[in-house]
Each structure stands twice: as C-alpha cells, then as structure tokens.
C-alpha cells in the first residue's frame, strides 16, 4: 500500500500510522451485522448498579466532582468528609461514572442489582 507525499501531508502524520496498520492487517474492519449499538455488558443482560468505595474517593478531601458531573441520572451526590453517595433507585448502571473516575483502583464499582437485595 502506497501513499503519495502530497496525500501524506494533506492527511497529516496519522496517515502513516493508519497506512502501516492497514498494511500489517492489525486494523480490522468490524464484522458485518455487528452494529455500533452492540455493547458488551460485564454480566450479560443483568441490570447493574454503581457502589461507592469512599476509602479511595478524592471527593472525601479535595472535592472531585467528575462522577457527579458525568451522571445523567443525577444519582450521585458529594458529601464532604465522607465521599460520595449513590442513590440506587436513580442509578441505571450505565457505568459512565466508573470510566471518568480519576483514581486507580476506581472509587466506584458496578454490581449486579439482584446481588444487593
């Protein structure tokens, strides 16, 4: 696979990496029939709920609001000195709060909703 110098500069430096990935076969095209809306849940189709791990949470001391701002259901509130509280009745288990949590290991975990009852 070749690319002209003019095309390379038009596309930028990323075109070189894309060309190399295509040439080596590392970059695979998605399988036919697999739509973009097909998301693999960690526990299949079971409904999930987020649970706080306040011993790791930055909101306890410094006021990190990343999960609060990301939660579209408004299920998370910050309690200064304690961390966060998650309203399980509002949480839909989407996991967006988990992905934006800046600490490692994460201060939020996802559990199957049926395990909590």
PDB file of N, CA and C in Angstrom:
ATOM      1  N   UNK A   1       0.851  -1.162   0.000  1.00  0.00           N
ATOM      2  CA  UNK A   1       0.000   0.000   0.000  1.00  0.00           C
ATOM      3  C   UNK A   1       0.898   1.225   0.000  1.00  0.00           C
ATOM      4  N   UNK A   2       0.654   2.136  -0.908  1.00  0.00           N
ATOM      5  CA  UNK A   2       1.464   3.344  -1.001  1.00  0.00           C
ATOM      6  C   UNK A   2       0.579   4.560  -0.836  1.00  0.00           C
ATOM      7  N   UNK A   3       1.211   5.633  -0.433  1.00  0.00           N
ATOM      8  CA  UNK A   3       0.521   6.899  -0.280  1.00  0.00           C
ATOM      9  C   UNK A   3       1.461   7.980  -0.831  1.00  0.00           C
ATOM     10  N   UNK A   4       0.918   8.885  -1.573  1.00  0.00           N
ATOM     11  CA  UNK A   4       1.759   9.933  -2.161  1.00  0.00           C
ATOM     12  C   UNK A   4       2.171  10.935  -1.089  1.00  0.00           C
ATOM     13  N   UNK A   5       3.257  11.636  -1.356  1.00  0.00           N
ATOM     14  CA  UNK A   5       3.751  12.632  -0.413  1.00  0.00           C
ATOM     15  C   UNK A   5       2.715  13.735  -0.204  1.00  0.00           C
ATOM     16  N   UNK A   6       2.069  14.136  -1.282  1.00  0.00           N
ATOM     17  CA  UNK A   6       1.062  15.180  -1.190  1.00  0.00           C
ATOM     18  C   UNK A   6      -0.105  14.712  -0.315  1.00  0.00           C
ATOM     19  N   UNK A   7      -0.549  13.474  -0.514  1.00  0.00           N
ATOM     20  CA  UNK A   7      -1.646  12.930   0.281  1.00  0.00           C
ATOM     21  C   UNK A   7      -1.231  12.762   1.746  1.00  0.00           C
ATOM     22  N   UNK A   8       0.028  12.363   1.977  1.00  0.00           N
ATOM     23  CA  UNK A   8       0.535  12.223   3.338  1.00  0.00           C
ATOM     24  C   UNK A   8       0.450  13.548   4.090  1.00  0.00           C
ATOM     25  N   UNK A   9       0.918  14.631   3.488  1.00  0.00           N
ATOM     26  CA  UNK A   9       0.874  15.914   4.158  1.00  0.00           C
ATOM     27  C   UNK A   9      -0.538  16.458   4.278  1.00  0.00           C
ATOM     28  N   UNK A  10      -1.410  16.093   3.368  1.00  0.00           N
ATOM     29  CA  UNK A  10      -2.801  16.519   3.451  1.00  0.00           C
ATOM     30  C   UNK A  10      -3.487  15.840   4.639  1.00  0.00           C
ATOM     31  N   UNK A  11      -3.226  14.559   4.841  1.00  0.00           N
ATOM     32  CA  UNK A  11      -3.864  13.816   5.924  1.00  0.00           C
ATOM     33  C   UNK A  11      -3.142  13.993   7.261  1.00  0.00           C
ATOM     34  N   UNK A  12      -1.886  14.354   7.229  1.00  0.00           N
ATOM     35  CA  UNK A  12      -1.136  14.540   8.461  1.00  0.00           C
ATOM     36  C   UNK A  12      -0.338  13.308   8.832  1.00  0.00           C
ATOM     37  N   UNK A  13       0.342  13.379   9.935  1.00  0.00           N
ATOM     38  CA  UNK A  13       1.223  12.309  10.378  1.00  0.00           C
ATOM     39  C   UNK A  13       0.456  11.034  10.724  1.00  0.00           C
ATOM     40  N   UNK A  14      -0.810  11.148  11.088  1.00  0.00           N
ATOM     41  CA  UNK A  14      -1.590   9.980  11.461  1.00  0.00           C
ATOM     42  C   UNK A  14      -1.857   9.053  10.279  1.00  0.00           C
ATOM     43  N   UNK A  15      -1.760   9.583   9.075  1.00  0.00           N
ATOM     44  CA  UNK A  15      -1.985   8.741   7.908  1.00  0.00           C
ATOM     45  C   UNK A  15      -0.908   7.676   7.780  1.00  0.00           C
ATOM     46  N   UNK A  16       0.304   7.970   8.239  1.00  0.00           N
ATOM     47  CA  UNK A  16       1.375   6.985   8.194  1.00  0.00           C
ATOM     48  C   UNK A  16       1.059   5.803   9.097  1.00  0.00           C
ATOM     49  N   UNK A  17       0.619   6.084  10.317  1.00  0.00           N
ATOM     50  CA  UNK A  17       0.243   5.009  11.239  1.00  0.00           C
ATOM     51  C   UNK A  17      -0.926   4.206  10.712  1.00  0.00           C
ATOM     52  N   UNK A  18      -1.922   4.870  10.153  1.00  0.00           N
ATOM     53  CA  UNK A  18      -3.079   4.193   9.586  1.00  0.00           C
ATOM     54  C   UNK A  18      -2.661   3.296   8.427  1.00  0.00           C
ATOM     55  N   UNK A  19      -1.765   3.790   7.590  1.00  0.00           N
ATOM     56  CA  UNK A  19      -1.272   3.012   6.454  1.00  0.00           C
ATOM     57  C   UNK A  19      -0.519   1.778   6.922  1.00  0.00           C
ATOM     58  N   UNK A  20       0.311   1.930   7.940  1.00  0.00           N
ATOM     59  CA  UNK A  20       1.062   0.787   8.471  1.00  0.00           C
ATOM     60  C   UNK A  20       0.139  -0.253   9.097  1.00  0.00           C
ATOM     61  N   UNK A  21      -0.870   0.205   9.827  1.00  0.00           N
ATOM     62  CA  UNK A  21      -1.804  -0.737  10.447  1.00  0.00           C
ATOM     63  C   UNK A  21      -2.604  -1.501   9.400  1.00  0.00           C
ATOM     64  N   UNK A  22      -3.021  -0.813   8.361  1.00  0.00           N
ATOM     65  CA  UNK A  22      -3.754  -1.491   7.298  1.00  0.00           C
ATOM     66  C   UNK A  22      -2.865  -2.480   6.562  1.00  0.00           C
ATOM     67  N   UNK A  23      -1.607  -2.111   6.339  1.00  0.00           N
ATOM     68  CA  UNK A  23      -0.684  -2.977   5.610  1.00  0.00           C
ATOM     69  C   UNK A  23      -0.359  -4.240   6.393  1.00  0.00           C
ATOM     70  N   UNK A  24      -0.226  -4.137   7.703  1.00  0.00           N
ATOM     71  CA  UNK A  24       0.100  -5.309   8.516  1.00  0.00           C
ATOM     72  C   UNK A  24      -1.136  -6.116   8.887  1.00  0.00           C
ATOM     73  N   UNK A  25      -2.323  -5.585   8.664  1.00  0.00           N
ATOM     74  CA  UNK A  25      -3.550  -6.319   8.955  1.00  0.00           C
ATOM     75  C   UNK A  25      -3.990  -6.215  10.398  1.00  0.00           C
ATOM     76  N   UNK A  26      -3.347  -5.344  11.178  1.00  0.00           N
ATOM     77  CA  UNK A  26      -3.717  -5.198  12.582  1.00  0.00           C
ATOM     78  C   UNK A  26      -5.060  -4.506  12.721  1.00  0.00           C
ATOM     79  N   UNK A  27      -5.287  -3.504  11.898  1.00  0.00           N
ATOM     80  CA  UNK A  27      -6.536  -2.768  11.942  1.00  0.00           C
ATOM     81  C   UNK A  27      -7.591  -3.562  11.189  1.00  0.00           C
ATOM     82  N   UNK A  28      -8.541  -4.120  11.905  1.00  0.00           N
ATOM     83  CA  UNK A  28      -9.572  -4.956  11.311  1.00  0.00           C
ATOM     84  C   UNK A  28     -10.854  -4.156  11.158  1.00  0.00           C
ATOM     85  N   UNK A  29     -11.567  -4.453  10.123  1.00  0.00           N
ATOM     86  CA  UNK A  29     -12.866  -3.840   9.919  1.00  0.00           C
ATOM     87  C   UNK A  29     -13.886  -4.562  10.793  1.00  0.00           C
ATOM     88  N   UNK A  30     -14.900  -3.860  11.330  1.00  0.00           N
ATOM     89  CA  UNK A  30     -15.916  -4.533  12.135  1.00  0.00           C
ATOM     90  C   UNK A  30     -16.678  -5.556  11.310  1.00  0.00           C
ATOM     91  N   UNK A  31     -17.080  -6.624  11.965  1.00  0.00           N
ATOM     92  CA  UNK A  31     -17.797  -7.698  11.284  1.00  0.00           C
ATOM     93  C   UNK A  31     -19.147  -7.200  10.801  1.00  0.00           C
ATOM     94  N   UNK A  32     -19.590  -7.738   9.696  1.00  0.00           N
ATOM     95  CA  UNK A  32     -20.882  -7.345   9.145  1.00  0.00           C
ATOM     96  C   UNK A  32     -21.985  -7.791  10.087  1.00  0.00           C
ATOM     97  N   UNK A  33     -22.922  -6.899  10.331  1.00  0.00           N
ATOM     98  CA  UNK A  33     -24.037  -7.220  11.204  1.00  0.00           C
ATOM     99  C   UNK A  33     -23.806  -6.795  12.640  1.00  0.00           C
ATOM    100  N   UNK A  34     -22.574  -6.480  13.016  1.00  0.00           N
ATOM    101  CA  UNK A  34     -22.304  -6.021  14.370  1.00  0.00           C
ATOM    102  C   UNK A  34     -22.480  -4.512  14.393  1.00  0.00           C
ATOM    103  N   UNK A  35     -23.627  -4.063  14.866  1.00  0.00           N
ATOM    104  CA  UNK A  35     -23.926  -2.638  14.887  1.00  0.00           C
ATOM    105  C   UNK A  35     -23.127  -1.918  15.945  1.00  0.00           C
ATOM    106  N   UNK A  36     -23.079  -0.598  15.833  1.00  0.00           N
ATOM    107  CA  UNK A  36     -22.365   0.214  16.803  1.00  0.00           C
ATOM    108  C   UNK A  36     -23.043   0.196  18.157  1.00  0.00           C
ATOM    109  N   UNK A  37     -24.325  -0.155  18.205  1.00  0.00           N
ATOM    110  CA  UNK A  37     -25.041  -0.156  19.465  1.00  0.00           C
ATOM    111  C   UNK A  37     -24.865  -1.451  20.240  1.00  0.00           C
ATOM    112  N   UNK A  38     -24.089  -2.396  19.740  1.00  0.00           N
ATOM    113  CA  UNK A  38     -23.853  -3.658  20.438  1.00  0.00           C
ATOM    114  C   UNK A  38     -22.770  -3.448  21.482  1.00  0.00           C
ATOM    115  N   UNK A  39     -23.181  -3.287  22.742  1.00  0.00           N
ATOM    116  CA  UNK A  39     -22.249  -3.068  23.845  1.00  0.00           C
ATOM    117  C   UNK A  39     -22.242  -4.318  24.714  1.00  0.00           C
ATOM    118  N   UNK A  40     -21.050  -4.801  25.018  1.00  0.00           N
ATOM    119  CA  UNK A  40     -20.901  -5.993  25.851  1.00  0.00           C
ATOM    120  C   UNK A  40     -20.939  -5.591  27.316  1.00  0.00           C
ATOM    121  N   UNK A  41     -21.949  -6.037  28.051  1.00  0.00           N
ATOM    122  CA  UNK A  41     -22.035  -5.764  29.474  1.00  0.00           C
ATOM    123  C   UNK A  41     -21.221  -6.806  30.231  1.00  0.00           C
ATOM    124  N   UNK A  42     -20.603  -6.425  31.362  1.00  0.00           N
ATOM    125  CA  UNK A  42     -19.749  -7.363  32.066  1.00  0.00           C
ATOM    126  C   UNK A  42     -20.483  -8.592  32.613  1.00  0.00           C
ATOM    127  N   UNK A  43     -21.756  -8.468  32.915  1.00  0.00           N
ATOM    128  CA  UNK A  43     -22.530  -9.594  33.433  1.00  0.00           C
ATOM    129  C   UNK A  43     -23.720  -9.903  32.532  1.00  0.00           C
ATOM    130  N   UNK A  44     -23.520  -9.818  31.246  1.00  0.00           N
ATOM    131  CA  UNK A  44     -24.591 -10.116  30.304  1.00  0.00           C
ATOM    132  C   UNK A  44     -25.655  -9.043  30.309  1.00  0.00           C
ATOM    133  N   UNK A  45     -26.903  -9.465  30.363  1.00  0.00           N
ATOM    134  CA  UNK A  45     -28.021  -8.537  30.311  1.00  0.00           C
ATOM    135  C   UNK A  45     -28.552  -8.166  31.689  1.00  0.00           C
ATOM    136  N   UNK A  46     -27.852  -8.550  32.747  1.00  0.00           N
ATOM    137  CA  UNK A  46     -28.334  -8.280  34.092  1.00  0.00           C
ATOM    138  C   UNK A  46     -28.196  -6.801  34.420  1.00  0.00           C
ATOM    139  N   UNK A  47     -29.197  -6.218  35.074  1.00  0.00           N
ATOM    140  CA  UNK A  47     -29.125  -4.798  35.428  1.00  0.00           C
ATOM    141  C   UNK A  47     -28.056  -4.565  36.502  1.00  0.00           C
ATOM    142  N   UNK A  48     -27.296  -3.481  36.317  1.00  0.00           N
ATOM    143  CA  UNK A  48     -26.201  -3.154  37.216  1.00  0.00           C
ATOM    144  C   UNK A  48     -26.542  -1.915  38.037  1.00  0.00           C
ATOM    145  N   UNK A  49     -25.787  -1.717  39.113  1.00  0.00           N
ATOM    146  CA  UNK A  49     -25.899  -0.525  39.943  1.00  0.00           C
ATOM    147  C   UNK A  49     -24.493  -0.165  40.422  1.00  0.00           C
ATOM    148  N   UNK A  50     -24.232   1.125  40.552  1.00  0.00           N
ATOM    149  CA  UNK A  50     -22.923   1.595  40.999  1.00  0.00           C
ATOM    150  C   UNK A  50     -22.878   1.651  42.520  1.00  0.00           C
ATOM    151  N   UNK A  51     -21.710   1.295  43.068  1.00  0.00           N
ATOM    152  CA  UNK A  51     -21.494   1.357  44.510  1.00  0.00           C
ATOM    153  C   UNK A  51     -20.219   2.155  44.788  1.00  0.00           C
ATOM    154  N   UNK A  52     -20.267   3.040  45.800  1.00  0.00           N
ATOM    155  CA  UNK A  52     -19.071   3.837  46.097  1.00  0.00           C
ATOM    156  C   UNK A  52     -18.049   3.058  46.921  1.00  0.00           C
ATOM    157  N   UNK A  53     -16.792   3.399  46.738  1.00  0.00           N
ATOM    158  CA  UNK A  53     -15.677   2.929  47.568  1.00  0.00           C
ATOM    159  C   UNK A  53     -15.031   4.183  48.138  1.00  0.00           C
ATOM    160  N   UNK A  54     -15.617   4.734  49.184  1.00  0.00           N
ATOM    161  CA  UNK A  54     -15.226   6.046  49.691  1.00  0.00           C
ATOM    162  C   UNK A  54     -13.827   6.088  50.288  1.00  0.00           C
ATOM    163  N   UNK A  55     -13.256   4.946  50.635  1.00  0.00           N
ATOM    164  CA  UNK A  55     -11.888   4.971  51.144  1.00  0.00           C
ATOM    165  C   UNK A  55     -10.893   5.372  50.055  1.00  0.00           C
ATOM    166  N   UNK A  56     -11.294   5.251  48.777  1.00  0.00           N
ATOM    167  CA  UNK A  56     -10.451   5.631  47.647  1.00  0.00           C
ATOM    168  C   UNK A  56     -10.855   6.956  47.011  1.00  0.00           C
ATOM    169  N   UNK A  57     -11.996   7.477  47.385  1.00  0.00           N
ATOM    170  CA  UNK A  57     -12.605   8.621  46.689  1.00  0.00           C
ATOM    171  C   UNK A  57     -11.915   9.937  47.015  1.00  0.00           C
ATOM    172  N   UNK A  58     -11.605  10.702  45.971  1.00  0.00           N
ATOM    173  CA  UNK A  58     -10.991  12.018  46.140  1.00  0.00           C
ATOM    174  C   UNK A  58     -11.984  13.063  46.636  1.00  0.00           C
ATOM    175  N   UNK A  59     -13.269  12.837  46.441  1.00  0.00           N
ATOM    176  CA  UNK A  59     -14.285  13.803  46.862  1.00  0.00           C
ATOM    177  C   UNK A  59     -14.332  13.941  48.377  1.00  0.00           C
ATOM    178  N   UNK A  60     -13.818  12.955  49.073  1.00  0.00           N
ATOM    179  CA  UNK A  60     -13.818  12.995  50.531  1.00  0.00           C
ATOM    180  C   UNK A  60     -12.991  14.175  51.049  1.00  0.00           C
ATOM    181  N   UNK A  61     -11.884  14.479  50.370  1.00  0.00           N
ATOM    182  CA  UNK A  61     -10.986  15.523  50.860  1.00  0.00           C
ATOM    183  C   UNK A  61     -10.865  16.744  49.959  1.00  0.00           C
ATOM    184  N   UNK A  62     -10.825  16.536  48.654  1.00  0.00           N
ATOM    185  CA  UNK A  62     -10.486  17.676  47.784  1.00  0.00           C
ATOM    186  C   UNK A  62     -11.639  18.168  46.922  1.00  0.00           C
ATOM    187  N   UNK A  63     -12.734  17.474  46.865  1.00  0.00           N
ATOM    188  CA  UNK A  63     -13.854  17.965  46.081  1.00  0.00           C
ATOM    189  C   UNK A  63     -13.819  17.592  44.615  1.00  0.00           C
ATOM    190  N   UNK A  64     -13.451  16.373  44.300  1.00  0.00           N
ATOM    191  CA  UNK A  64     -13.504  15.879  42.924  1.00  0.00           C
ATOM    192  C   UNK A  64     -14.973  15.680  42.558  1.00  0.00           C
ATOM    193  N   UNK A  65     -15.391  16.223  41.424  1.00  0.00           N
ATOM    194  CA  UNK A  65     -16.789  16.130  41.013  1.00  0.00           C
ATOM    195  C   UNK A  65     -16.954  15.434  39.664  1.00  0.00           C
ATOM    196  N   UNK A  66     -15.969  14.677  39.216  1.00  0.00           N
ATOM    197  CA  UNK A  66     -16.026  14.099  37.873  1.00  0.00           C
ATOM    198  C   UNK A  66     -17.195  13.129  37.709  1.00  0.00           C
ATOM    199  N   UNK A  67     -17.453  12.272  38.688  1.00  0.00           N
ATOM    200  CA  UNK A  67     -18.558  11.316  38.558  1.00  0.00           C
ATOM    201  C   UNK A  67     -19.913  12.014  38.678  1.00  0.00           C
ATOM    202  N   UNK A  68     -19.977  13.031  39.530  1.00  0.00           N
ATOM    203  CA  UNK A  68     -21.232  13.774  39.717  1.00  0.00           C
ATOM    204  C   UNK A  68     -21.620  14.478  38.422  1.00  0.00           C
ATOM    205  N   UNK A  69     -20.636  15.077  37.761  1.00  0.00           N
ATOM    206  CA  UNK A  69     -20.903  15.792  36.523  1.00  0.00           C
ATOM    207  C   UNK A  69     -21.258  14.856  35.385  1.00  0.00           C
ATOM    208  N   UNK A  70     -20.726  13.643  35.384  1.00  0.00           N
ATOM    209  CA  UNK A  70     -20.965  12.701  34.289  1.00  0.00           C
ATOM    210  C   UNK A  70     -22.292  11.961  34.424  1.00  0.00           C
ATOM    211  N   UNK A  71     -22.807  11.828  35.642  1.00  0.00           N
ATOM    212  CA  UNK A  71     -24.037  11.050  35.885  1.00  0.00           C
ATOM    213  C   UNK A  71     -25.254  11.782  35.329  1.00  0.00           C
ATOM    214  N   UNK A  72     -25.832  11.231  34.268  1.00  0.00           N
ATOM    215  CA  UNK A  72     -27.009  11.848  33.650  1.00  0.00           C
ATOM    216  C   UNK A  72     -28.268  11.642  34.490  1.00  0.00           C
ATOM    217  N   UNK A  73     -28.277  10.612  35.320  1.00  0.00           N
ATOM    218  CA  UNK A  73     -29.447  10.314  36.152  1.00  0.00           C
ATOM    219  C   UNK A  73     -29.465  11.132  37.439  1.00  0.00           C
ATOM    220  N   UNK A  74     -28.386  11.860  37.713  1.00  0.00           N
ATOM    221  CA  UNK A  74     -28.214  12.641  38.932  1.00  0.00           C
ATOM    222  C   UNK A  74     -28.383  11.774  40.170  1.00  0.00           C
ATOM    223  N   UNK A  75     -27.759  10.590  40.126  1.00  0.00           N
ATOM    224  CA  UNK A  75     -27.849   9.635  41.226  1.00  0.00           C
ATOM    225  C   UNK A  75     -26.710   9.780  42.220  1.00  0.00           C
ATOM    226  N   UNK A  76     -25.712  10.630  41.926  1.00  0.00           N
ATOM    227  CA  UNK A  76     -24.537  10.753  42.780  1.00  0.00           C
ATOM    228  C   UNK A  76     -24.491  12.136  43.409  1.00  0.00           C
ATOM    229  N   UNK A  77     -24.261  12.171  44.720  1.00  0.00           N
ATOM    230  CA  UNK A  77     -24.062  13.427  45.433  1.00  0.00           C
ATOM    231  C   UNK A  77     -22.764  13.326  46.230  1.00  0.00           C
ATOM    232  N   UNK A  78     -22.094  14.456  46.410  1.00  0.00           N
ATOM    233  CA  UNK A  78     -20.850  14.514  47.181  1.00  0.00           C
ATOM    234  C   UNK A  78     -21.180  14.936  48.601  1.00  0.00           C
ATOM    235  N   UNK A  79     -20.648  14.194  49.549  1.00  0.00           N
ATOM    236  CA  UNK A  79     -20.771  14.529  50.961  1.00  0.00           C
ATOM    237  C   UNK A  79     -19.357  14.805  51.455  1.00  0.00           C
ATOM    238  N   UNK A  80     -19.050  16.071  51.713  1.00  0.00           N
ATOM    239  CA  UNK A  80     -17.691  16.440  52.118  1.00  0.00           C
ATOM    240  C   UNK A  80     -17.307  15.717  53.403  1.00  0.00           C
ATOM    241  N   UNK A  81     -16.101  15.209  53.428  1.00  0.00           N
ATOM    242  CA  UNK A  81     -15.607  14.469  54.578  1.00  0.00           C
ATOM    243  C   UNK A  81     -15.966  12.999  54.543  1.00  0.00           C
ATOM    244  N   UNK A  82     -16.930  12.618  53.708  1.00  0.00           N
ATOM    245  CA  UNK A  82     -17.341  11.217  53.601  1.00  0.00           C
ATOM    246  C   UNK A  82     -16.998  10.635  52.234  1.00  0.00           C
ATOM    247  N   UNK A  83     -17.264  11.373  51.186  1.00  0.00           N
ATOM    248  CA  UNK A  83     -17.050  10.896  49.819  1.00  0.00           C
ATOM    249  C   UNK A  83     -18.297  11.110  48.997  1.00  0.00           C
ATOM    250  N   UNK A  84     -18.758  10.057  48.336  1.00  0.00           N
ATOM    251  CA  UNK A  84     -19.967  10.162  47.512  1.00  0.00           C
ATOM    252  C   UNK A  84     -21.037   9.207  48.015  1.00  0.00           C
ATOM    253  N   UNK A  85     -22.260   9.545  47.683  1.00  0.00           N
ATOM    254  CA  UNK A  85     -23.399   8.658  47.929  1.00  0.00           C
ATOM    255  C   UNK A  85     -24.097   8.447  46.594  1.00  0.00           C
ATOM    256  N   UNK A  86     -24.495   7.217  46.359  1.00  0.00           N
ATOM    257  CA  UNK A  86     -25.179   6.873  45.114  1.00  0.00           C
ATOM    258  C   UNK A  86     -26.577   6.383  45.443  1.00  0.00           C
ATOM    259  N   UNK A  87     -27.568   7.039  44.869  1.00  0.00           N
ATOM    260  CA  UNK A  87     -28.966   6.653  45.047  1.00  0.00           C
ATOM    261  C   UNK A  87     -29.249   5.483  44.108  1.00  0.00           C
ATOM    262  N   UNK A  88     -29.374   4.285  44.663  1.00  0.00           N
ATOM    263  CA  UNK A  88     -29.563   3.075  43.865  1.00  0.00           C
ATOM    264  C   UNK A  88     -30.877   3.092  43.094  1.00  0.00           C
ATOM    265  N   UNK A  89     -31.871   3.837  43.565  1.00  0.00           N
ATOM    266  CA  UNK A  89     -33.142   3.887  42.852  1.00  0.00           C
ATOM    267  C   UNK A  89     -33.040   4.726  41.580  1.00  0.00           C
ATOM    268  N   UNK A  90     -32.112   5.684  41.544  1.00  0.00           N
ATOM    269  CA  UNK A  90     -31.928   6.512  40.357  1.00  0.00           C
ATOM    270  C   UNK A  90     -30.870   5.961  39.410  1.00  0.00           C
ATOM    271  N   UNK A  91     -29.909   5.188  39.940  1.00  0.00           N
ATOM    272  CA  UNK A  91     -28.793   4.680  39.136  1.00  0.00           C
ATOM    273  C   UNK A  91     -29.292   3.654  38.125  1.00  0.00           C
ATOM    274  N   UNK A  92     -28.903   3.833  36.859  1.00  0.00           N
ATOM    275  CA  UNK A  92     -29.299   2.873  35.826  1.00  0.00           C
ATOM    276  C   UNK A  92     -28.171   1.906  35.480  1.00  0.00           C
ATOM    277  N   UNK A  93     -27.029   2.021  36.156  1.00  0.00           N
ATOM    278  CA  UNK A  93     -25.926   1.086  35.948  1.00  0.00           C
ATOM    279  C   UNK A  93     -25.187   1.245  34.651  1.00  0.00           C
ATOM    280  N   UNK A  94     -25.189   2.437  34.071  1.00  0.00           N
ATOM    281  CA  UNK A  94     -24.532   2.645  32.777  1.00  0.00           C
ATOM    282  C   UNK A  94     -23.011   2.575  32.873  1.00  0.00           C
ATOM    283  N   UNK A  95     -22.442   2.921  34.036  1.00  0.00           N
ATOM    284  CA  UNK A  95     -21.007   2.836  34.230  1.00  0.00           C
ATOM    285  C   UNK A  95     -20.222   4.055  33.793  1.00  0.00           C
ATOM    286  N   UNK A  96     -20.890   5.125  33.384  1.00  0.00           N
ATOM    287  CA  UNK A  96     -20.151   6.311  32.946  1.00  0.00           C
ATOM    288  C   UNK A  96     -19.372   6.934  34.103  1.00  0.00           C
ATOM    289  N   UNK A  97     -19.889   6.830  35.321  1.00  0.00           N
ATOM    290  CA  UNK A  97     -19.173   7.354  36.492  1.00  0.00           C
ATOM    291  C   UNK A  97     -17.891   6.564  36.738  1.00  0.00           C
ATOM    292  N   UNK A  98     -17.927   5.285  36.483  1.00  0.00           N
ATOM    293  CA  UNK A  98     -16.771   4.423  36.667  1.00  0.00           C
ATOM    294  C   UNK A  98     -15.649   4.803  35.717  1.00  0.00           C
ATOM    295  N   UNK A  99     -15.991   5.108  34.478  1.00  0.00           N
ATOM    296  CA  UNK A  99     -14.987   5.404  33.462  1.00  0.00           C
ATOM    297  C   UNK A  99     -14.323   6.762  33.660  1.00  0.00           C
ATOM    298  N   UNK A 100     -14.997   7.718  34.291  1.00  0.00           N
ATOM    299  CA  UNK A 100     -14.392   9.033  34.478  1.00  0.00           C
ATOM    300  C   UNK A 100     -13.691   9.181  35.825  1.00  0.00           C
ATOM    301  N   UNK A 101     -13.796   8.194  36.684  1.00  0.00           N
ATOM    302  CA  UNK A 101     -13.155   8.249  37.997  1.00  0.00           C
ATOM    303  C   UNK A 101     -11.641   8.305  37.811  1.00  0.00           C
ATOM    304  N   UNK A 102     -10.973   9.345  38.372  1.00  0.00           N
ATOM    305  CA  UNK A 102      -9.550   9.535  38.104  1.00  0.00           C
ATOM    306  C   UNK A 102      -8.606   8.687  38.948  1.00  0.00           C
ATOM    307  N   UNK A 103      -9.089   7.994  39.966  1.00  0.00           N
ATOM    308  CA  UNK A 103      -8.185   7.239  40.840  1.00  0.00           C
ATOM    309  C   UNK A 103      -8.058   5.794  40.378  1.00  0.00           C
ATOM    310  N   UNK A 104      -6.914   5.185  40.753  1.00  0.00           N
ATOM    311  CA  UNK A 104      -6.690   3.775  40.466  1.00  0.00           C
ATOM    312  C   UNK A 104      -6.235   3.119  41.744  1.00  0.00           C
ATOM    313  N   UNK A 105      -6.906   2.117  42.239  1.00  0.00           N
ATOM    314  CA  UNK A 105      -8.129   1.489  41.745  1.00  0.00           C
ATOM    315  C   UNK A 105      -9.332   2.419  41.891  1.00  0.00           C
ATOM    316  N   UNK A 106     -10.340   2.172  41.104  1.00  0.00           N
ATOM    317  CA  UNK A 106     -11.506   3.052  40.999  1.00  0.00           C
ATOM    318  C   UNK A 106     -12.258   3.165  42.324  1.00  0.00           C
ATOM    319  N   UNK A 107     -12.822   4.334  42.556  1.00  0.00           N
ATOM    320  CA  UNK A 107     -13.597   4.594  43.767  1.00  0.00           C
ATOM    321  C   UNK A 107     -15.062   4.219  43.593  1.00  0.00           C
ATOM    322  N   UNK A 108     -15.423   3.666  42.444  1.00  0.00           N
ATOM    323  CA  UNK A 108     -16.788   3.231  42.155  1.00  0.00           C
ATOM    324  C   UNK A 108     -16.704   1.843  41.534  1.00  0.00           C
ATOM    325  N   UNK A 109     -17.593   0.961  41.938  1.00  0.00           N
ATOM    326  CA  UNK A 109     -17.671  -0.362  41.329  1.00  0.00           C
ATOM    327  C   UNK A 109     -19.087  -0.595  40.823  1.00  0.00           C
ATOM    328  N   UNK A 110     -19.213  -1.504  39.883  1.00  0.00           N
ATOM    329  CA  UNK A 110     -20.541  -1.903  39.391  1.00  0.00           C
ATOM    330  C   UNK A 110     -20.858  -3.300  39.910  1.00  0.00           C
ATOM    331  N   UNK A 111     -22.034  -3.462  40.418  1.00  0.00           N
ATOM    332  CA  UNK A 111     -22.503  -4.757  40.910  1.00  0.00           C
ATOM    333  C   UNK A 111     -23.837  -5.076  40.251  1.00  0.00           C
ATOM    334  N   UNK A 112     -24.139  -6.357  40.191  1.00  0.00           N
ATOM    335  CA  UNK A 112     -25.446  -6.782  39.695  1.00  0.00           C
ATOM    336  C   UNK A 112     -26.485  -6.363  40.722  1.00  0.00           C
ATOM    337  N   UNK A 113     -27.542  -5.725  40.247  1.00  0.00           N
ATOM    338  CA  UNK A 113     -28.565  -5.179  41.142  1.00  0.00           C
ATOM    339  C   UNK A 113     -29.208  -6.267  42.010  1.00  0.00           C
ATOM    340  N   UNK A 114     -29.374  -7.472  41.498  1.00  0.00           N
ATOM    341  CA  UNK A 114     -30.017  -8.550  42.243  1.00  0.00           C
ATOM    342  C   UNK A 114     -29.162  -8.992  43.427  1.00  0.00           C
ATOM    343  N   UNK A 115     -27.835  -8.822  43.372  1.00  0.00           N
ATOM    344  CA  UNK A 115     -26.959  -9.224  44.472  1.00  0.00           C
ATOM    345  C   UNK A 115     -27.126  -8.330  45.691  1.00  0.00           C
ATOM    346  N   UNK A 116     -27.647  -7.137  45.522  1.00  0.00           N
ATOM    347  CA  UNK A 116     -27.791  -6.202  46.627  1.00  0.00           C
ATOM    348  C   UNK A 116     -29.013  -6.476  47.473  1.00  0.00           C
ATOM    349  N   UNK A 117     -29.975  -7.184  46.952  1.00  0.00           N
ATOM    350  CA  UNK A 117     -31.222  -7.448  47.688  1.00  0.00           C
ATOM    351  C   UNK A 117     -31.088  -8.614  48.615  1.00  0.00           C
TER     352      UNK A 117
END
